[in-house]
PDB file of N, CA and C in Angstrom:
ATOM      1  N   MET A   1     -24.935  -5.016   4.033  1.00  0.00           N
ATOM      2  CA  MET A   1     -25.168  -3.586   4.001  1.00  0.00           C
ATOM      3  C   MET A   1     -23.945  -2.920   3.346  1.00  0.00           C
ATOM      4  N   PRO A   2     -24.163  -2.002   2.398  1.00  0.00           N
ATOM      5  CA  PRO A   2     -23.030  -1.356   1.731  1.00  0.00           C
ATOM      6  C   PRO A   2     -22.247  -0.449   2.683  1.00  0.00           C
ATOM      7  N   ARG A   3     -20.960  -0.360   2.421  1.00  0.00           N
ATOM      8  CA  ARG A   3     -20.072   0.471   3.221  1.00  0.00           C
ATOM      9  C   ARG A   3     -20.348   1.945   2.929  1.00  0.00           C
ATOM     10  N   ALA A   4     -20.325   2.762   3.959  1.00  0.00           N
ATOM     11  CA  ALA A   4     -20.553   4.200   3.787  1.00  0.00           C
ATOM     12  C   ALA A   4     -19.419   4.812   2.967  1.00  0.00           C
ATOM     13  N   LYS A   5     -19.775   5.691   2.053  1.00  0.00           N
ATOM     14  CA  LYS A   5     -18.786   6.342   1.205  1.00  0.00           C
ATOM     15  C   LYS A   5     -17.840   7.187   2.054  1.00  0.00           C
ATOM     16  N   PHE A   6     -16.548   7.070   1.793  1.00  0.00           N
ATOM     17  CA  PHE A   6     -15.492   7.809   2.476  1.00  0.00           C
ATOM     18  C   PHE A   6     -15.386   7.486   3.966  1.00  0.00           C
ATOM     19  N   GLN A   7     -15.877   6.309   4.377  1.00  0.00           N
ATOM     20  CA  GLN A   7     -15.704   5.895   5.775  1.00  0.00           C
ATOM     21  C   GLN A   7     -14.217   5.749   6.079  1.00  0.00           C
ATOM     22  N   THR A   8     -13.493   5.193   5.131  1.00  0.00           N
ATOM     23  CA  THR A   8     -12.035   5.151   5.172  1.00  0.00           C
ATOM     24  C   THR A   8     -11.545   5.614   3.803  1.00  0.00           C
ATOM     25  N   LEU A   9     -10.285   5.983   3.725  1.00  0.00           N
ATOM     26  CA  LEU A   9      -9.727   6.478   2.472  1.00  0.00           C
ATOM     27  C   LEU A   9      -8.697   5.506   1.928  1.00  0.00           C
ATOM     28  N   THR A  10      -8.630   5.392   0.624  1.00  0.00           N
ATOM     29  CA  THR A  10      -7.542   4.644  -0.001  1.00  0.00           C
ATOM     30  C   THR A  10      -6.288   5.519   0.075  1.00  0.00           C
ATOM     31  N   GLU A  11      -5.133   4.933  -0.205  1.00  0.00           N
ATOM     32  CA  GLU A  11      -3.904   5.730  -0.214  1.00  0.00           C
ATOM     33  C   GLU A  11      -4.015   6.887  -1.210  1.00  0.00           C
ATOM     34  N   GLN A  12      -4.561   6.608  -2.384  1.00  0.00           N
ATOM     35  CA  GLN A  12      -4.694   7.670  -3.382  1.00  0.00           C
ATOM     36  C   GLN A  12      -5.573   8.803  -2.873  1.00  0.00           C
ATOM     37  N   MET A  13      -6.696   8.456  -2.256  1.00  0.00           N
ATOM     38  CA  MET A  13      -7.578   9.482  -1.700  1.00  0.00           C
ATOM     39  C   MET A  13      -6.852  10.312  -0.649  1.00  0.00           C
ATOM     40  N   PHE A  14      -6.146   9.637   0.253  1.00  0.00           N
ATOM     41  CA  PHE A  14      -5.431  10.308   1.329  1.00  0.00           C
ATOM     42  C   PHE A  14      -4.431  11.313   0.767  1.00  0.00           C
ATOM     43  N   TYR A  15      -3.634  10.883  -0.198  1.00  0.00           N
ATOM     44  CA  TYR A  15      -2.589  11.756  -0.728  1.00  0.00           C
ATOM     45  C   TYR A  15      -3.137  12.892  -1.593  1.00  0.00           C
ATOM     46  N   ILE A  16      -4.239  12.663  -2.270  1.00  0.00           N
ATOM     47  CA  ILE A  16      -4.873  13.756  -3.022  1.00  0.00           C
ATOM     48  C   ILE A  16      -5.307  14.840  -2.054  1.00  0.00           C
ATOM     49  N   LEU A  17      -6.001  14.444  -0.975  1.00  0.00           N
ATOM     50  CA  LEU A  17      -6.433  15.430   0.012  1.00  0.00           C
ATOM     51  C   LEU A  17      -5.235  16.104   0.674  1.00  0.00           C
ATOM     52  N   LEU A  18      -4.196  15.338   0.969  1.00  0.00           N
ATOM     53  CA  LEU A  18      -3.000  15.898   1.591  1.00  0.00           C
ATOM     54  C   LEU A  18      -2.361  16.957   0.690  1.00  0.00           C
ATOM     55  N   CYS A  19      -2.312  16.690  -0.592  1.00  0.00           N
ATOM     56  CA  CYS A  19      -1.769  17.673  -1.546  1.00  0.00           C
ATOM     57  C   CYS A  19      -2.571  18.968  -1.513  1.00  0.00           C
ATOM     58  N   LEU A  20      -3.859  18.871  -1.250  1.00  0.00           N
ATOM     59  CA  LEU A  20      -4.734  20.034  -1.321  1.00  0.00           C
ATOM     60  C   LEU A  20      -4.779  20.847  -0.036  1.00  0.00           C
ATOM     61  N   LYS A  21      -3.847  20.577   0.880  1.00  0.00           N
ATOM     62  CA  LYS A  21      -3.716  21.470   2.040  1.00  0.00           C
ATOM     63  C   LYS A  21      -3.308  22.846   1.543  1.00  0.00           C
ATOM     64  N   ASP A  22      -2.618  22.866   0.397  1.00  0.00           N
ATOM     65  CA  ASP A  22      -2.283  24.099  -0.309  1.00  0.00           C
ATOM     66  C   ASP A  22      -3.010  24.071  -1.656  1.00  0.00           C
ATOM     67  N   GLU A  23      -3.465  25.202  -2.095  1.00  0.00           N
ATOM     68  CA  GLU A  23      -4.176  25.278  -3.368  1.00  0.00           C
ATOM     69  C   GLU A  23      -3.291  24.769  -4.507  1.00  0.00           C
ATOM     70  N   CYS A  24      -3.861  23.909  -5.353  1.00  0.00           N
ATOM     71  CA  CYS A  24      -3.117  23.465  -6.532  1.00  0.00           C
ATOM     72  C   CYS A  24      -4.073  22.918  -7.596  1.00  0.00           C
ATOM     73  N   TYR A  25      -3.508  22.785  -8.788  1.00  0.00           N
ATOM     74  CA  TYR A  25      -4.239  22.230  -9.920  1.00  0.00           C
ATOM     75  C   TYR A  25      -4.138  20.716  -9.903  1.00  0.00           C
ATOM     76  N   GLY A  26      -5.048  20.059 -10.624  1.00  0.00           N
ATOM     77  CA  GLY A  26      -5.025  18.605 -10.725  1.00  0.00           C
ATOM     78  C   GLY A  26      -3.696  18.076 -11.222  1.00  0.00           C
ATOM     79  N   MET A  27      -3.132  18.722 -12.238  1.00  0.00           N
ATOM     80  CA  MET A  27      -1.845  18.266 -12.773  1.00  0.00           C
ATOM     81  C   MET A  27      -0.747  18.354 -11.724  1.00  0.00           C
ATOM     82  N   ASP A  28      -0.835  19.334 -10.838  1.00  0.00           N
ATOM     83  CA  ASP A  28       0.141  19.450  -9.748  1.00  0.00           C
ATOM     84  C   ASP A  28       0.074  18.222  -8.843  1.00  0.00           C
ATOM     85  N   ILE A  29      -1.138  17.760  -8.584  1.00  0.00           N
ATOM     86  CA  ILE A  29      -1.329  16.592  -7.715  1.00  0.00           C
ATOM     87  C   ILE A  29      -0.679  15.365  -8.348  1.00  0.00           C
ATOM     88  N   LEU A  30      -0.862  15.207  -9.666  1.00  0.00           N
ATOM     89  CA  LEU A  30      -0.254  14.068 -10.355  1.00  0.00           C
ATOM     90  C   LEU A  30       1.260  14.063 -10.190  1.00  0.00           C
ATOM     91  N   ASP A  31       1.855  15.241 -10.087  1.00  0.00           N
ATOM     92  CA  ASP A  31       3.303  15.356  -9.888  1.00  0.00           C
ATOM     93  C   ASP A  31       3.701  15.212  -8.420  1.00  0.00           C
ATOM     94  N   LYS A  32       2.888  15.751  -7.508  1.00  0.00           N
ATOM     95  CA  LYS A  32       3.239  15.785  -6.090  1.00  0.00           C
ATOM     96  C   LYS A  32       3.162  14.423  -5.402  1.00  0.00           C
ATOM     97  N   VAL A  33       2.145  13.631  -5.702  1.00  0.00           N
ATOM     98  CA  VAL A  33       1.946  12.374  -4.977  1.00  0.00           C
ATOM     99  C   VAL A  33       3.150  11.440  -5.090  1.00  0.00           C
ATOM    100  N   PRO A  34       3.672  11.172  -6.278  1.00  0.00           N
ATOM    101  CA  PRO A  34       4.853  10.292  -6.345  1.00  0.00           C
ATOM    102  C   PRO A  34       6.058  10.862  -5.592  1.00  0.00           C
ATOM    103  N   VAL A  35       6.223  12.172  -5.610  1.00  0.00           N
ATOM    104  CA  VAL A  35       7.339  12.794  -4.896  1.00  0.00           C
ATOM    105  C   VAL A  35       7.161  12.625  -3.389  1.00  0.00           C
ATOM    106  N   MET A  36       5.925  12.866  -2.898  1.00  0.00           N
ATOM    107  CA  MET A  36       5.642  12.747  -1.461  1.00  0.00           C
ATOM    108  C   MET A  36       5.870  11.333  -0.955  1.00  0.00           C
ATOM    109  N   THR A  37       5.638  10.346  -1.819  1.00  0.00           N
ATOM    110  CA  THR A  37       5.657   8.942  -1.388  1.00  0.00           C
ATOM    111  C   THR A  37       6.863   8.179  -1.906  1.00  0.00           C
ATOM    112  N   ASP A  38       7.855   8.880  -2.417  1.00  0.00           N
ATOM    113  CA  ASP A  38       9.045   8.235  -2.980  1.00  0.00           C
ATOM    114  C   ASP A  38       8.644   7.195  -4.031  1.00  0.00           C
ATOM    115  N   ASN A  39       7.681   7.565  -4.874  1.00  0.00           N
ATOM    116  CA  ASN A  39       7.146   6.738  -5.972  1.00  0.00           C
ATOM    117  C   ASN A  39       6.410   5.479  -5.513  1.00  0.00           C
ATOM    118  N   ARG A  40       6.049   5.428  -4.238  1.00  0.00           N
ATOM    119  CA  ARG A  40       5.301   4.272  -3.733  1.00  0.00           C
ATOM    120  C   ARG A  40       3.835   4.333  -4.163  1.00  0.00           C
ATOM    121  N   VAL A  41       3.306   5.547  -4.283  1.00  0.00           N
ATOM    122  CA  VAL A  41       1.900   5.742  -4.659  1.00  0.00           C
ATOM    123  C   VAL A  41       1.842   6.618  -5.900  1.00  0.00           C
ATOM    124  N   ASN A  42       1.084   6.180  -6.874  1.00  0.00           N
ATOM    125  CA  ASN A  42       0.822   6.975  -8.079  1.00  0.00           C
ATOM    126  C   ASN A  42      -0.685   7.069  -8.263  1.00  0.00           C
ATOM    127  N   VAL A  43      -1.110   8.157  -8.836  1.00  0.00           N
ATOM    128  CA  VAL A  43      -2.526   8.377  -9.114  1.00  0.00           C
ATOM    129  C   VAL A  43      -2.666   8.597 -10.611  1.00  0.00           C
ATOM    130  N   GLY A  44      -3.525   7.812 -11.248  1.00  0.00           N
ATOM    131  CA  GLY A  44      -3.804   8.011 -12.661  1.00  0.00           C
ATOM    132  C   GLY A  44      -4.709   9.214 -12.860  1.00  0.00           C
ATOM    133  N   SER A  45      -4.647   9.811 -14.018  1.00  0.00           N
ATOM    134  CA  SER A  45      -5.444  11.018 -14.257  1.00  0.00           C
ATOM    135  C   SER A  45      -6.941  10.738 -14.189  1.00  0.00           C
ATOM    136  N   GLY A  46      -7.389   9.585 -14.690  1.00  0.00           N
ATOM    137  CA  GLY A  46      -8.811   9.252 -14.609  1.00  0.00           C
ATOM    138  C   GLY A  46      -9.276   9.128 -13.170  1.00  0.00           C
ATOM    139  N   THR A  47      -8.473   8.451 -12.354  1.00  0.00           N
ATOM    140  CA  THR A  47      -8.784   8.304 -10.925  1.00  0.00           C
ATOM    141  C   THR A  47      -8.794   9.664 -10.250  1.00  0.00           C
ATOM    142  N   LEU A  48      -7.784  10.481 -10.543  1.00  0.00           N
ATOM    143  CA  LEU A  48      -7.676  11.797  -9.916  1.00  0.00           C
ATOM    144  C   LEU A  48      -8.917  12.637 -10.187  1.00  0.00           C
ATOM    145  N   TYR A  49      -9.289  12.783 -11.449  1.00  0.00           N
ATOM    146  CA  TYR A  49     -10.385  13.688 -11.764  1.00  0.00           C
ATOM    147  C   TYR A  49     -11.728  13.146 -11.294  1.00  0.00           C
ATOM    148  N   ASN A  50     -11.874  11.842 -11.263  1.00  0.00           N
ATOM    149  CA  ASN A  50     -13.076  11.235 -10.687  1.00  0.00           C
ATOM    150  C   ASN A  50     -13.153  11.554  -9.195  1.00  0.00           C
ATOM    151  N   LEU A  51     -12.032  11.373  -8.476  1.00  0.00           N
ATOM    152  CA  LEU A  51     -12.021  11.642  -7.037  1.00  0.00           C
ATOM    153  C   LEU A  51     -12.178  13.127  -6.736  1.00  0.00           C
ATOM    154  N   LEU A  52     -11.570  13.990  -7.542  1.00  0.00           N
ATOM    155  CA  LEU A  52     -11.747  15.429  -7.322  1.00  0.00           C
ATOM    156  C   LEU A  52     -13.227  15.811  -7.409  1.00  0.00           C
ATOM    157  N   GLU A  53     -13.918  15.248  -8.365  1.00  0.00           N
ATOM    158  CA  GLU A  53     -15.356  15.523  -8.498  1.00  0.00           C
ATOM    159  C   GLU A  53     -16.129  14.995  -7.286  1.00  0.00           C
ATOM    160  N   GLN A  54     -15.808  13.770  -6.861  1.00  0.00           N
ATOM    161  CA  GLN A  54     -16.487  13.196  -5.689  1.00  0.00           C
ATOM    162  C   GLN A  54     -16.180  13.992  -4.423  1.00  0.00           C
ATOM    163  N   PHE A  55     -14.908  14.377  -4.241  1.00  0.00           N
ATOM    164  CA  PHE A  55     -14.529  15.165  -3.065  1.00  0.00           C
ATOM    165  C   PHE A  55     -15.218  16.521  -3.068  1.00  0.00           C
ATOM    166  N   SER A  56     -15.337  17.124  -4.231  1.00  0.00           N
ATOM    167  CA  SER A  56     -16.013  18.407  -4.341  1.00  0.00           C
ATOM    168  C   SER A  56     -17.493  18.264  -3.994  1.00  0.00           C
ATOM    169  N   ASP A  57     -18.135  17.234  -4.538  1.00  0.00           N
ATOM    170  CA  ASP A  57     -19.553  16.975  -4.248  1.00  0.00           C
ATOM    171  C   ASP A  57     -19.782  16.716  -2.759  1.00  0.00           C
ATOM    172  N   ALA A  58     -18.805  16.069  -2.093  1.00  0.00           N
ATOM    173  CA  ALA A  58     -18.925  15.737  -0.667  1.00  0.00           C
ATOM    174  C   ALA A  58     -18.539  16.914   0.231  1.00  0.00           C
ATOM    175  N   GLY A  59     -18.008  18.000  -0.365  1.00  0.00           N
ATOM    176  CA  GLY A  59     -17.627  19.163   0.415  1.00  0.00           C
ATOM    177  C   GLY A  59     -16.251  19.070   1.057  1.00  0.00           C
ATOM    178  N   PHE A  60     -15.410  18.124   0.615  1.00  0.00           N
ATOM    179  CA  PHE A  60     -14.064  17.956   1.169  1.00  0.00           C
ATOM    180  C   PHE A  60     -13.062  18.928   0.553  1.00  0.00           C
ATOM    181  N   ILE A  61     -13.344  19.348  -0.674  1.00  0.00           N
ATOM    182  CA  ILE A  61     -12.483  20.314  -1.355  1.00  0.00           C
ATOM    183  C   ILE A  61     -13.365  21.376  -1.990  1.00  0.00           C
ATOM    184  N   HIS A  62     -12.737  22.473  -2.327  1.00  0.00           N
ATOM    185  CA  HIS A  62     -13.450  23.586  -2.950  1.00  0.00           C
ATOM    186  C   HIS A  62     -12.666  24.030  -4.182  1.00  0.00           C
ATOM    187  N   GLU A  63     -13.366  24.198  -5.282  1.00  0.00           N
ATOM    188  CA  GLU A  63     -12.734  24.712  -6.496  1.00  0.00           C
ATOM    189  C   GLU A  63     -12.473  26.204  -6.301  1.00  0.00           C
ATOM    190  N   THR A  64     -11.219  26.613  -6.519  1.00  0.00           N
ATOM    191  CA  THR A  64     -10.855  28.009  -6.265  1.00  0.00           C
ATOM    192  C   THR A  64     -10.773  28.847  -7.525  1.00  0.00           C
ATOM    193  N   LYS A  65     -10.338  28.252  -8.635  1.00  0.00           N
ATOM    194  CA  LYS A  65     -10.310  29.008  -9.893  1.00  0.00           C
ATOM    195  C   LYS A  65     -10.314  28.061 -11.080  1.00  0.00           C
ATOM    196  N   VAL A  66     -10.760  28.625 -12.191  1.00  0.00           N
ATOM    197  CA  VAL A  66     -10.795  27.889 -13.450  1.00  0.00           C
ATOM    198  C   VAL A  66     -10.031  28.724 -14.471  1.00  0.00           C
ATOM    199  N   ASP A  67      -9.067  28.076 -15.122  1.00  0.00           N
ATOM    200  CA  ASP A  67      -8.254  28.746 -16.135  1.00  0.00           C
ATOM    201  C   ASP A  67      -8.287  27.857 -17.377  1.00  0.00           C
ATOM    202  N   GLY A  68      -9.290  28.062 -18.225  1.00  0.00           N
ATOM    203  CA  GLY A  68      -9.496  27.165 -19.357  1.00  0.00           C
ATOM    204  C   GLY A  68      -9.938  25.806 -18.839  1.00  0.00           C
ATOM    205  N   ARG A  69      -9.165  24.770 -19.161  1.00  0.00           N
ATOM    206  CA  ARG A  69      -9.485  23.432 -18.663  1.00  0.00           C
ATOM    207  C   ARG A  69      -8.859  23.162 -17.297  1.00  0.00           C
ATOM    208  N   ARG A  70      -7.951  24.037 -16.881  1.00  0.00           N
ATOM    209  CA  ARG A  70      -7.270  23.859 -15.594  1.00  0.00           C
ATOM    210  C   ARG A  70      -8.153  24.355 -14.458  1.00  0.00           C
ATOM    211  N   ARG A  71      -8.288  23.508 -13.447  1.00  0.00           N
ATOM    212  CA  ARG A  71      -9.069  23.875 -12.268  1.00  0.00           C
ATOM    213  C   ARG A  71      -8.182  23.748 -11.041  1.00  0.00           C
ATOM    214  N   SER A  72      -8.315  24.709 -10.152  1.00  0.00           N
ATOM    215  CA  SER A  72      -7.535  24.734  -8.929  1.00  0.00           C
ATOM    216  C   SER A  72      -8.458  24.416  -7.754  1.00  0.00           C
ATOM    217  N   TYR A  73      -7.927  23.684  -6.783  1.00  0.00           N
ATOM    218  CA  TYR A  73      -8.711  23.244  -5.627  1.00  0.00           C
ATOM    219  C   TYR A  73      -7.945  23.489  -4.344  1.00  0.00           C
ATOM    220  N   ILE A  74      -8.694  23.494  -3.230  1.00  0.00           N
ATOM    221  CA  ILE A  74      -8.084  23.552  -1.900  1.00  0.00           C
ATOM    222  C   ILE A  74      -8.965  22.758  -0.933  1.00  0.00           C
ATOM    223  N   LEU A  75      -8.347  22.246   0.091  1.00  0.00           N
ATOM    224  CA  LEU A  75      -9.025  21.458   1.112  1.00  0.00           C
ATOM    225  C   LEU A  75      -9.949  22.348   1.938  1.00  0.00           C
ATOM    226  N   THR A  76     -11.137  21.865   2.255  1.00  0.00           N
ATOM    227  CA  THR A  76     -12.058  22.584   3.135  1.00  0.00           C
ATOM    228  C   THR A  76     -11.856  22.092   4.568  1.00  0.00           C
ATOM    229  N   ASP A  77     -12.520  22.728   5.508  1.00  0.00           N
ATOM    230  CA  ASP A  77     -12.454  22.268   6.902  1.00  0.00           C
ATOM    231  C   ASP A  77     -12.987  20.836   7.019  1.00  0.00           C
ATOM    232  N   LYS A  78     -14.054  20.546   6.282  1.00  0.00           N
ATOM    233  CA  LYS A  78     -14.629  19.196   6.297  1.00  0.00           C
ATOM    234  C   LYS A  78     -13.610  18.185   5.743  1.00  0.00           C
ATOM    235  N   GLY A  79     -12.888  18.564   4.700  1.00  0.00           N
ATOM    236  CA  GLY A  79     -11.865  17.696   4.137  1.00  0.00           C
ATOM    237  C   GLY A  79     -10.720  17.486   5.104  1.00  0.00           C
ATOM    238  N   LYS A  80     -10.334  18.546   5.825  1.00  0.00           N
ATOM    239  CA  LYS A  80      -9.266  18.444   6.832  1.00  0.00           C
ATOM    240  C   LYS A  80      -9.689  17.500   7.941  1.00  0.00           C
ATOM    241  N   GLU A  81     -10.957  17.564   8.357  1.00  0.00           N
ATOM    242  CA  GLU A  81     -11.471  16.650   9.381  1.00  0.00           C
ATOM    243  C   GLU A  81     -11.382  15.204   8.899  1.00  0.00           C
ATOM    244  N   MET A  82     -11.744  14.957   7.634  1.00  0.00           N
ATOM    245  CA  MET A  82     -11.675  13.604   7.079  1.00  0.00           C
ATOM    246  C   MET A  82     -10.231  13.123   7.026  1.00  0.00           C
ATOM    247  N   LEU A  83      -9.325  13.992   6.619  1.00  0.00           N
ATOM    248  CA  LEU A  83      -7.909  13.655   6.548  1.00  0.00           C
ATOM    249  C   LEU A  83      -7.360  13.351   7.946  1.00  0.00           C
ATOM    250  N   ASP A  84      -7.724  14.165   8.938  1.00  0.00           N
ATOM    251  CA  ASP A  84      -7.315  13.916  10.325  1.00  0.00           C
ATOM    252  C   ASP A  84      -7.842  12.574  10.822  1.00  0.00           C
ATOM    253  N   LYS A  85      -9.095  12.299  10.535  1.00  0.00           N
ATOM    254  CA  LYS A  85      -9.716  11.034  10.966  1.00  0.00           C
ATOM    255  C   LYS A  85      -8.966   9.848  10.367  1.00  0.00           C
ATOM    256  N   GLU A  86      -8.633   9.936   9.100  1.00  0.00           N
ATOM    257  CA  GLU A  86      -7.911   8.844   8.440  1.00  0.00           C
ATOM    258  C   GLU A  86      -6.498   8.701   9.002  1.00  0.00           C
ATOM    259  N   TYR A  87      -5.831   9.819   9.264  1.00  0.00           N
ATOM    260  CA  TYR A  87      -4.499   9.789   9.852  1.00  0.00           C
ATOM    261  C   TYR A  87      -4.527   9.061  11.195  1.00  0.00           C
ATOM    262  N   HIS A  88      -5.487   9.396  12.041  1.00  0.00           N
ATOM    263  CA  HIS A  88      -5.581   8.751  13.355  1.00  0.00           C
ATOM    264  C   HIS A  88      -5.934   7.272  13.234  1.00  0.00           C
ATOM    265  N   ARG A  89      -6.731   6.908  12.249  1.00  0.00           N
ATOM    266  CA  ARG A  89      -7.070   5.503  12.021  1.00  0.00           C
ATOM    267  C   ARG A  89      -5.824   4.716  11.630  1.00  0.00           C
ATOM    268  N   VAL A  90      -5.015   5.269  10.734  1.00  0.00           N
ATOM    269  CA  VAL A  90      -3.798   4.591  10.285  1.00  0.00           C
ATOM    270  C   VAL A  90      -2.783   4.513  11.434  1.00  0.00           C
ATOM    271  N   CYS A  91      -2.675   5.570  12.231  1.00  0.00           N
ATOM    272  CA  CYS A  91      -1.776   5.535  13.395  1.00  0.00           C
ATOM    273  C   CYS A  91      -2.206   4.454  14.379  1.00  0.00           C
ATOM    274  N   ALA A  92      -3.515   4.297  14.577  1.00  0.00           N
ATOM    275  CA  ALA A  92      -4.019   3.254  15.478  1.00  0.00           C
ATOM    276  C   ALA A  92      -3.669   1.874  14.932  1.00  0.00           C
ATOM    277  N   GLN A  93      -3.738   1.699  13.618  1.00  0.00           N
ATOM    278  CA  GLN A  93      -3.335   0.419  13.021  1.00  0.00           C
ATOM    279  C   GLN A  93      -1.861   0.146  13.280  1.00  0.00           C
ATOM    280  N   ALA A  94      -1.028   1.164  13.107  1.00  0.00           N
ATOM    281  CA  ALA A  94       0.412   0.999  13.347  1.00  0.00           C
ATOM    282  C   ALA A  94       0.664   0.642  14.813  1.00  0.00           C
ATOM    283  N   MET A  95      -0.066   1.265  15.725  1.00  0.00           N
ATOM    284  CA  MET A  95       0.077   0.963  17.148  1.00  0.00           C
ATOM    285  C   MET A  95      -0.344  -0.485  17.435  1.00  0.00           C
ATOM    286  N   ASP A  96      -1.423  -0.929  16.805  1.00  0.00           N
ATOM    287  CA  ASP A  96      -1.866  -2.318  16.972  1.00  0.00           C
ATOM    288  C   ASP A  96      -0.788  -3.286  16.495  1.00  0.00           C
ATOM    289  N   TYR A  97      -0.161  -2.956  15.383  1.00  0.00           N
ATOM    290  CA  TYR A  97       0.918  -3.784  14.842  1.00  0.00           C
ATOM    291  C   TYR A  97       2.073  -3.850  15.834  1.00  0.00           C
ATOM    292  N   ARG A  98       2.482  -2.700  16.352  1.00  0.00           N
ATOM    293  CA  ARG A  98       3.598  -2.673  17.310  1.00  0.00           C
ATOM    294  C   ARG A  98       3.267  -3.458  18.561  1.00  0.00           C
ATOM    295  N   ARG A  99       2.018  -3.356  19.031  1.00  0.00           N
ATOM    296  CA  ARG A  99       1.607  -4.121  20.213  1.00  0.00           C
ATOM    297  C   ARG A  99       1.640  -5.615  19.934  1.00  0.00           C
ATOM    298  N   ALA A 100       1.164  -5.983  18.748  1.00  0.00           N
ATOM    299  CA  ALA A 100       1.113  -7.413  18.394  1.00  0.00           C
ATOM    300  C   ALA A 100       2.504  -8.034  18.294  1.00  0.00           C
ATOM    301  N   PHE A 101       3.467  -7.266  17.788  1.00  0.00           N
ATOM    302  CA  PHE A 101       4.814  -7.801  17.587  1.00  0.00           C
ATOM    303  C   PHE A 101       5.818  -7.271  18.611  1.00  0.00           C
ATOM    304  N   GLY A 102       5.374  -6.385  19.488  1.00  0.00           N
ATOM    305  CA  GLY A 102       6.271  -5.809  20.490  1.00  0.00           C
ATOM    306  C   GLY A 102       7.041  -4.634  19.902  1.00  0.00           C
ATOM    307  N   GLU A 103       7.290  -3.671  20.735  1.00  0.00           N
ATOM    308  CA  GLU A 103       7.992  -2.462  20.302  1.00  0.00           C
ATOM    309  C   GLU A 103       9.342  -2.781  19.688  1.00  0.00           C
ATOM    310  N   GLU A 104      10.041  -3.792  20.174  1.00  0.00           N
ATOM    311  CA  GLU A 104      11.367  -4.122  19.668  1.00  0.00           C
ATOM    312  C   GLU A 104      11.323  -4.550  18.197  1.00  0.00           C
ATOM    313  N   GLU A 105      10.232  -5.180  17.778  1.00  0.00           N
ATOM    314  CA  GLU A 105      10.104  -5.672  16.398  1.00  0.00           C
ATOM    315  C   GLU A 105      10.085  -4.526  15.403  1.00  0.00           C
ATOM    316  N   HIS A 106       9.548  -3.363  15.809  1.00  0.00           N
ATOM    317  CA  HIS A 106       9.373  -2.248  14.882  1.00  0.00           C
ATOM    318  C   HIS A 106      10.650  -1.438  14.690  1.00  0.00           C
ATOM    319  N   LYS A 107      11.581  -1.515  15.631  1.00  0.00           N
ATOM    320  CA  LYS A 107      12.786  -0.682  15.579  1.00  0.00           C
ATOM    321  C   LYS A 107      13.766  -1.110  14.542  1.00  0.00           C
TER     322      LYS A 107
END
C-alpha cells in the first residue's frame, strides 16, 4: 500500500515550512535554510518550487502576493499543525535514541 502523502516530512520539507512561519519569497527560503542549519541542509530551486506548489495545493501554505515572477508565501494553520506533528515525531525519535543508549550517552 502506498504511503500517505506528507505523513512524515523530509528535512527539506520541514525547513521550508519552518521558514514560512514568517511571510517570505521562494528565493528567501533558498537563503534561509542553509543559515538555519549551519549548511547541513540545502534545498535546490527545483525541489523548492515543486514543494511550494504541493504545499499550496495541500493547504499548508498560502500565497500572499505576486510581484512579477516573485511569489510570497506564509504558513497556514494546517501547515503549522503539520510542522508541529513532525516536530513531535522527531522529538520522540530522539527520546527513543536516548532511552536505547541511556541518558549518559547523549551528554
